[in-house]
């Protein structure tokens, strides 16, 4: 029997240094209505492009930020993810960073 190895790559974006958890929750609730943690950014076909959450630590250190994990299936949908985070950024401030 021959095994098939699949490699699924994910990447993340972070909106670091946001003003407040409540402000970020409000912005995400308005951007993605009817959802709560984690918020799901969906493609036109209904698939999940990214999982979005608010976290208080990054790499073990205090850091209030919005964390976004992009699905491997939609790895190249950076424009959609960055547009969503830019909308949140316009409301809560912060610096947009990616790990790619």
C-alpha atoms as a PDB file:
ATOM      1  CA  UNK A   1       0.000   0.000   0.000  1.00  0.00           C
ATOM      2  CA  UNK A   2       1.327   3.413  -0.945  1.00  0.00           C
ATOM      3  CA  UNK A   3       0.764   6.270   1.468  1.00  0.00           C
ATOM      4  CA  UNK A   4      -0.029   9.763   0.277  1.00  0.00           C
ATOM      5  CA  UNK A   5       1.309  12.631   2.323  1.00  0.00           C
ATOM      6  CA  UNK A   6      -0.582  15.891   2.181  1.00  0.00           C
ATOM      7  CA  UNK A   7       0.929  19.125   3.294  1.00  0.00           C
ATOM      8  CA  UNK A   8      -1.459  21.811   4.400  1.00  0.00           C
ATOM      9  CA  UNK A   9       0.119  25.157   5.022  1.00  0.00           C
ATOM     10  CA  UNK A  10      -1.449  27.823   7.179  1.00  0.00           C
ATOM     11  CA  UNK A  11      -0.353  31.346   7.779  1.00  0.00           C
ATOM     12  CA  UNK A  12      -1.348  33.977  10.257  1.00  0.00           C
ATOM     13  CA  UNK A  13      -1.884  37.702  10.451  1.00  0.00           C
ATOM     14  CA  UNK A  14      -1.948  39.771  13.622  1.00  0.00           C
ATOM     15  CA  UNK A  15      -3.391  43.165  14.445  1.00  0.00           C
ATOM     16  CA  UNK A  16      -1.198  44.065  17.413  1.00  0.00           C
ATOM     17  CA  UNK A  17      -1.583  46.882  19.906  1.00  0.00           C
ATOM     18  CA  UNK A  18      -5.356  47.288  19.582  1.00  0.00           C
ATOM     19  CA  UNK A  19      -7.134  49.737  21.861  1.00  0.00           C
ATOM     20  CA  UNK A  20      -9.496  47.410  23.748  1.00  0.00           C
ATOM     21  CA  UNK A  21     -11.089  43.973  23.663  1.00  0.00           C
ATOM     22  CA  UNK A  22     -14.640  45.362  23.656  1.00  0.00           C
ATOM     23  CA  UNK A  23     -13.880  47.703  20.747  1.00  0.00           C
ATOM     24  CA  UNK A  24     -12.368  44.827  18.747  1.00  0.00           C
ATOM     25  CA  UNK A  25     -15.351  42.574  19.525  1.00  0.00           C
ATOM     26  CA  UNK A  26     -17.733  45.312  18.369  1.00  0.00           C
ATOM     27  CA  UNK A  27     -15.779  45.834  15.140  1.00  0.00           C
ATOM     28  CA  UNK A  28     -15.707  42.097  14.397  1.00  0.00           C
ATOM     29  CA  UNK A  29     -19.403  41.699  15.252  1.00  0.00           C
ATOM     30  CA  UNK A  30     -20.238  44.465  12.772  1.00  0.00           C
ATOM     31  CA  UNK A  31     -17.916  43.074  10.101  1.00  0.00           C
ATOM     32  CA  UNK A  32     -19.096  39.466  10.554  1.00  0.00           C
ATOM     33  CA  UNK A  33     -22.621  39.711  12.015  1.00  0.00           C
ATOM     34  CA  UNK A  34     -24.223  36.839  13.889  1.00  0.00           C
ATOM     35  CA  UNK A  35     -20.904  35.343  14.953  1.00  0.00           C
ATOM     36  CA  UNK A  36     -18.794  35.175  18.054  1.00  0.00           C
ATOM     37  CA  UNK A  37     -15.373  33.829  18.967  1.00  0.00           C
ATOM     38  CA  UNK A  38     -13.914  32.649  16.742  1.00  0.00           C
ATOM     39  CA  UNK A  39     -15.265  34.763  13.917  1.00  0.00           C
ATOM     40  CA  UNK A  40     -15.153  33.044  10.515  1.00  0.00           C
ATOM     41  CA  UNK A  41     -14.242  34.972   7.381  1.00  0.00           C
ATOM     42  CA  UNK A  42     -15.919  33.084   4.540  1.00  0.00           C
ATOM     43  CA  UNK A  43     -15.326  32.920   0.792  1.00  0.00           C
ATOM     44  CA  UNK A  44     -18.148  33.296  -1.727  1.00  0.00           C
ATOM     45  CA  UNK A  45     -18.351  29.471  -1.897  1.00  0.00           C
ATOM     46  CA  UNK A  46     -19.003  29.352   1.879  1.00  0.00           C
ATOM     47  CA  UNK A  47     -15.629  27.899   2.801  1.00  0.00           C
ATOM     48  CA  UNK A  48     -13.756  29.337   5.762  1.00  0.00           C
ATOM     49  CA  UNK A  49     -10.930  31.571   4.572  1.00  0.00           C
ATOM     50  CA  UNK A  50      -9.771  32.565   8.053  1.00  0.00           C
ATOM     51  CA  UNK A  51     -10.465  32.084  11.730  1.00  0.00           C
ATOM     52  CA  UNK A  52     -10.330  35.345  13.679  1.00  0.00           C
ATOM     53  CA  UNK A  53     -10.028  35.734  17.443  1.00  0.00           C
ATOM     54  CA  UNK A  54      -8.893  38.234  20.058  1.00  0.00           C
ATOM     55  CA  UNK A  55      -5.998  37.210  22.261  1.00  0.00           C
ATOM     56  CA  UNK A  56      -4.196  38.780  25.194  1.00  0.00           C
ATOM     57  CA  UNK A  57      -0.759  37.172  24.806  1.00  0.00           C
ATOM     58  CA  UNK A  58       1.638  36.581  21.915  1.00  0.00           C
ATOM     59  CA  UNK A  59       4.701  34.371  22.260  1.00  0.00           C
ATOM     60  CA  UNK A  60       4.042  34.175  26.026  1.00  0.00           C
ATOM     61  CA  UNK A  61       4.120  37.939  26.528  1.00  0.00           C
ATOM     62  CA  UNK A  62       1.206  40.313  27.224  1.00  0.00           C
ATOM     63  CA  UNK A  63       0.000  41.624  23.875  1.00  0.00           C
ATOM     64  CA  UNK A  64      -3.637  42.496  23.146  1.00  0.00           C
ATOM     65  CA  UNK A  65      -4.198  41.618  19.488  1.00  0.00           C
ATOM     66  CA  UNK A  66      -6.521  40.188  16.863  1.00  0.00           C
ATOM     67  CA  UNK A  67      -5.189  36.855  15.619  1.00  0.00           C
ATOM     68  CA  UNK A  68      -6.148  35.561  12.173  1.00  0.00           C
ATOM     69  CA  UNK A  69      -5.287  32.076  10.939  1.00  0.00           C
ATOM     70  CA  UNK A  70      -5.720  31.669   7.185  1.00  0.00           C
ATOM     71  CA  UNK A  71      -6.941  28.258   6.033  1.00  0.00           C
ATOM     72  CA  UNK A  72      -4.563  26.273   3.839  1.00  0.00           C
ATOM     73  CA  UNK A  73      -7.376  25.847   1.326  1.00  0.00           C
ATOM     74  CA  UNK A  74      -7.499  29.636   0.864  1.00  0.00           C
ATOM     75  CA  UNK A  75      -3.788  30.275   1.367  1.00  0.00           C
ATOM     76  CA  UNK A  76      -3.637  32.896  -1.394  1.00  0.00           C
ATOM     77  CA  UNK A  77      -6.645  34.954  -0.243  1.00  0.00           C
ATOM     78  CA  UNK A  78      -4.417  37.515   1.469  1.00  0.00           C
ATOM     79  CA  UNK A  79      -6.295  40.470  -0.015  1.00  0.00           C
ATOM     80  CA  UNK A  80      -9.574  39.367   1.569  1.00  0.00           C
ATOM     81  CA  UNK A  81      -7.947  38.791   4.963  1.00  0.00           C
ATOM     82  CA  UNK A  82      -5.976  42.038   4.932  1.00  0.00           C
ATOM     83  CA  UNK A  83      -9.084  43.992   3.882  1.00  0.00           C
ATOM     84  CA  UNK A  84     -11.047  42.575   6.829  1.00  0.00           C
ATOM     85  CA  UNK A  85      -8.252  43.318   9.292  1.00  0.00           C
ATOM     86  CA  UNK A  86      -7.772  46.805   7.840  1.00  0.00           C
ATOM     87  CA  UNK A  87     -11.463  47.481   8.506  1.00  0.00           C
ATOM     88  CA  UNK A  88     -11.007  46.414  12.139  1.00  0.00           C
ATOM     89  CA  UNK A  89      -7.772  48.416  12.348  1.00  0.00           C
ATOM     90  CA  UNK A  90      -9.580  51.594  11.271  1.00  0.00           C
ATOM     91  CA  UNK A  91     -11.780  51.232  14.372  1.00  0.00           C
ATOM     92  CA  UNK A  92      -9.371  49.970  17.034  1.00  0.00           C
ATOM     93  CA  UNK A  93      -5.917  51.028  15.826  1.00  0.00           C
ATOM     94  CA  UNK A  94      -2.938  48.746  16.015  1.00  0.00           C
ATOM     95  CA  UNK A  95      -0.315  47.493  13.628  1.00  0.00           C
ATOM     96  CA  UNK A  96      -1.018  44.801  11.032  1.00  0.00           C
ATOM     97  CA  UNK A  97       1.653  42.098  10.816  1.00  0.00           C
ATOM     98  CA  UNK A  98       1.917  38.766   9.033  1.00  0.00           C
ATOM     99  CA  UNK A  99       4.112  35.767   9.641  1.00  0.00           C
ATOM    100  CA  UNK A 100       4.740  35.219   5.943  1.00  0.00           C
END
